Amino acid sequence: MSKVNNFFYEAMEMAKFSDMSQKHGAVVASGGKILASGFNNISPCYIASGCSFLHAEISACLQVPAVRKRKSCKLCVQQA
């Protein structure tokens, strides 16, 4: 399996953790390695601002280590 296919597979696996009706998962990768992953969900921290849904790609990006945020990364999003 190619690295890109592996990233999409991992994103699909992350989508399985979602409790939403439309399940999405995401991974952020750099240098052939996954740096962070996430899935869409209801997030209490966003409810106060009027938005209760946390998108999978935002969830993954929020977990990228600060030292890597200025480096080139790939974002893969997949629906389960």
C-alpha atoms as a PDB file:
ATOM      1  CA  MET A   1       0.000   0.000   0.000  1.00  0.00           C
ATOM      2  CA  SER A   2       1.383   3.415  -0.931  1.00  0.00           C
ATOM      3  CA  LYS A   3       1.905   6.042   1.773  1.00  0.00           C
ATOM      4  CA  VAL A   4      -0.938   8.194   0.419  1.00  0.00           C
ATOM      5  CA  ASN A   5      -3.318   5.215   0.400  1.00  0.00           C
ATOM      6  CA  ASN A   6      -2.212   4.433   3.950  1.00  0.00           C
ATOM      7  CA  PHE A   7      -3.026   8.011   5.009  1.00  0.00           C
ATOM      8  CA  PHE A   8      -6.545   7.720   3.571  1.00  0.00           C
ATOM      9  CA  TYR A   9      -6.976   4.320   5.214  1.00  0.00           C
ATOM     10  CA  GLU A  10      -5.961   5.791   8.588  1.00  0.00           C
ATOM     11  CA  ALA A  11      -8.356   8.717   8.049  1.00  0.00           C
ATOM     12  CA  MET A  12     -11.166   6.235   7.374  1.00  0.00           C
ATOM     13  CA  GLU A  13     -10.270   4.359  10.549  1.00  0.00           C
ATOM     14  CA  MET A  14     -10.440   7.631  12.509  1.00  0.00           C
ATOM     15  CA  ALA A  15     -13.912   8.309  11.067  1.00  0.00           C
ATOM     16  CA  LYS A  16     -15.177   5.207  12.849  1.00  0.00           C
ATOM     17  CA  PHE A  17     -14.714   7.021  16.182  1.00  0.00           C
ATOM     18  CA  SER A  18     -17.195   9.732  15.196  1.00  0.00           C
ATOM     19  CA  ASP A  19     -20.647   9.655  16.767  1.00  0.00           C
ATOM     20  CA  MET A  20     -22.080  11.861  13.995  1.00  0.00           C
ATOM     21  CA  SER A  21     -24.396  10.571  11.248  1.00  0.00           C
ATOM     22  CA  GLN A  22     -21.876  11.703   8.597  1.00  0.00           C
ATOM     23  CA  LYS A  23     -18.615  10.199   9.865  1.00  0.00           C
ATOM     24  CA  HIS A  24     -15.369  11.840   8.732  1.00  0.00           C
ATOM     25  CA  GLY A  25     -11.783  11.252   9.766  1.00  0.00           C
ATOM     26  CA  ALA A  26      -8.610  13.164   8.947  1.00  0.00           C
ATOM     27  CA  VAL A  27      -4.857  12.811   9.254  1.00  0.00           C
ATOM     28  CA  VAL A  28      -2.059  15.352   8.929  1.00  0.00           C
ATOM     29  CA  ALA A  29       1.147  13.879   7.542  1.00  0.00           C
ATOM     30  CA  SER A  30       4.649  15.115   6.806  1.00  0.00           C
ATOM     31  CA  GLY A  31       7.753  13.283   5.704  1.00  0.00           C
ATOM     32  CA  GLY A  32       5.769  10.085   5.198  1.00  0.00           C
ATOM     33  CA  LYS A  33       4.616   9.980   8.830  1.00  0.00           C
ATOM     34  CA  ILE A  34       1.288  10.806  10.428  1.00  0.00           C
ATOM     35  CA  LEU A  35       1.660  13.758  12.794  1.00  0.00           C
ATOM     36  CA  ALA A  36      -1.922  14.031  14.008  1.00  0.00           C
ATOM     37  CA  SER A  37      -5.380  12.628  13.430  1.00  0.00           C
ATOM     38  CA  GLY A  38      -8.949  13.515  14.278  1.00  0.00           C
ATOM     39  CA  PHE A  39     -12.608  12.950  13.544  1.00  0.00           C
ATOM     40  CA  ASN A  40     -15.751  15.061  13.435  1.00  0.00           C
ATOM     41  CA  ASN A  41     -17.679  15.329  16.675  1.00  0.00           C
ATOM     42  CA  ILE A  42     -19.745  17.531  18.919  1.00  0.00           C
ATOM     43  CA  SER A  43     -17.340  19.747  20.789  1.00  0.00           C
ATOM     44  CA  PRO A  44     -18.353  21.511  24.022  1.00  0.00           C
ATOM     45  CA  CYS A  45     -15.706  24.207  23.520  1.00  0.00           C
ATOM     46  CA  TYR A  46     -17.409  25.344  20.320  1.00  0.00           C
ATOM     47  CA  ILE A  47     -20.976  25.304  21.662  1.00  0.00           C
ATOM     48  CA  ALA A  48     -20.398  28.568  23.567  1.00  0.00           C
ATOM     49  CA  SER A  49     -19.425  30.259  20.300  1.00  0.00           C
ATOM     50  CA  GLY A  50     -22.582  29.001  18.604  1.00  0.00           C
ATOM     51  CA  CYS A  51     -20.919  26.205  16.623  1.00  0.00           C
ATOM     52  CA  SER A  52     -21.209  22.770  18.174  1.00  0.00           C
ATOM     53  CA  PHE A  53     -19.615  20.675  15.426  1.00  0.00           C
ATOM     54  CA  LEU A  54     -15.877  20.169  15.160  1.00  0.00           C
ATOM     55  CA  HIS A  55     -14.854  19.144  11.650  1.00  0.00           C
ATOM     56  CA  ALA A  56     -12.427  16.242  11.289  1.00  0.00           C
ATOM     57  CA  GLU A  57      -9.785  18.360   9.536  1.00  0.00           C
ATOM     58  CA  ILE A  58      -9.911  21.025  12.244  1.00  0.00           C
ATOM     59  CA  SER A  59      -9.672  18.362  14.942  1.00  0.00           C
ATOM     60  CA  ALA A  60      -6.550  16.918  13.284  1.00  0.00           C
ATOM     61  CA  CYS A  61      -4.926  20.304  12.622  1.00  0.00           C
ATOM     62  CA  LEU A  62      -5.396  21.388  16.239  1.00  0.00           C
ATOM     63  CA  GLN A  63      -3.306  18.382  17.298  1.00  0.00           C
ATOM     64  CA  VAL A  64      -0.296  19.071  15.069  1.00  0.00           C
ATOM     65  CA  PRO A  65       2.720  19.798  17.280  1.00  0.00           C
ATOM     66  CA  ALA A  66       3.544  23.527  17.293  1.00  0.00           C
ATOM     67  CA  VAL A  67       7.070  22.886  16.062  1.00  0.00           C
ATOM     68  CA  ARG A  68       5.649  21.349  12.852  1.00  0.00           C
ATOM     69  CA  LYS A  69       3.021  23.981  12.026  1.00  0.00           C
ATOM     70  CA  ARG A  70       5.326  25.912   9.696  1.00  0.00           C
ATOM     71  CA  LYS A  71       6.476  22.846   7.779  1.00  0.00           C
ATOM     72  CA  SER A  72       4.870  21.467   4.654  1.00  0.00           C
ATOM     73  CA  CYS A  73       2.174  18.937   5.563  1.00  0.00           C
ATOM     74  CA  LYS A  74      -0.481  16.908   3.782  1.00  0.00           C
ATOM     75  CA  LEU A  75      -4.067  16.728   4.982  1.00  0.00           C
ATOM     76  CA  CYS A  76      -6.180  13.688   4.118  1.00  0.00           C
ATOM     77  CA  VAL A  77      -9.906  13.600   4.903  1.00  0.00           C
ATOM     78  CA  GLN A  78     -12.070  10.520   4.392  1.00  0.00           C
ATOM     79  CA  GLN A  79     -15.723   9.697   4.975  1.00  0.00           C
ATOM     80  CA  ALA A  80     -16.551   6.289   6.445  1.00  0.00           C
END
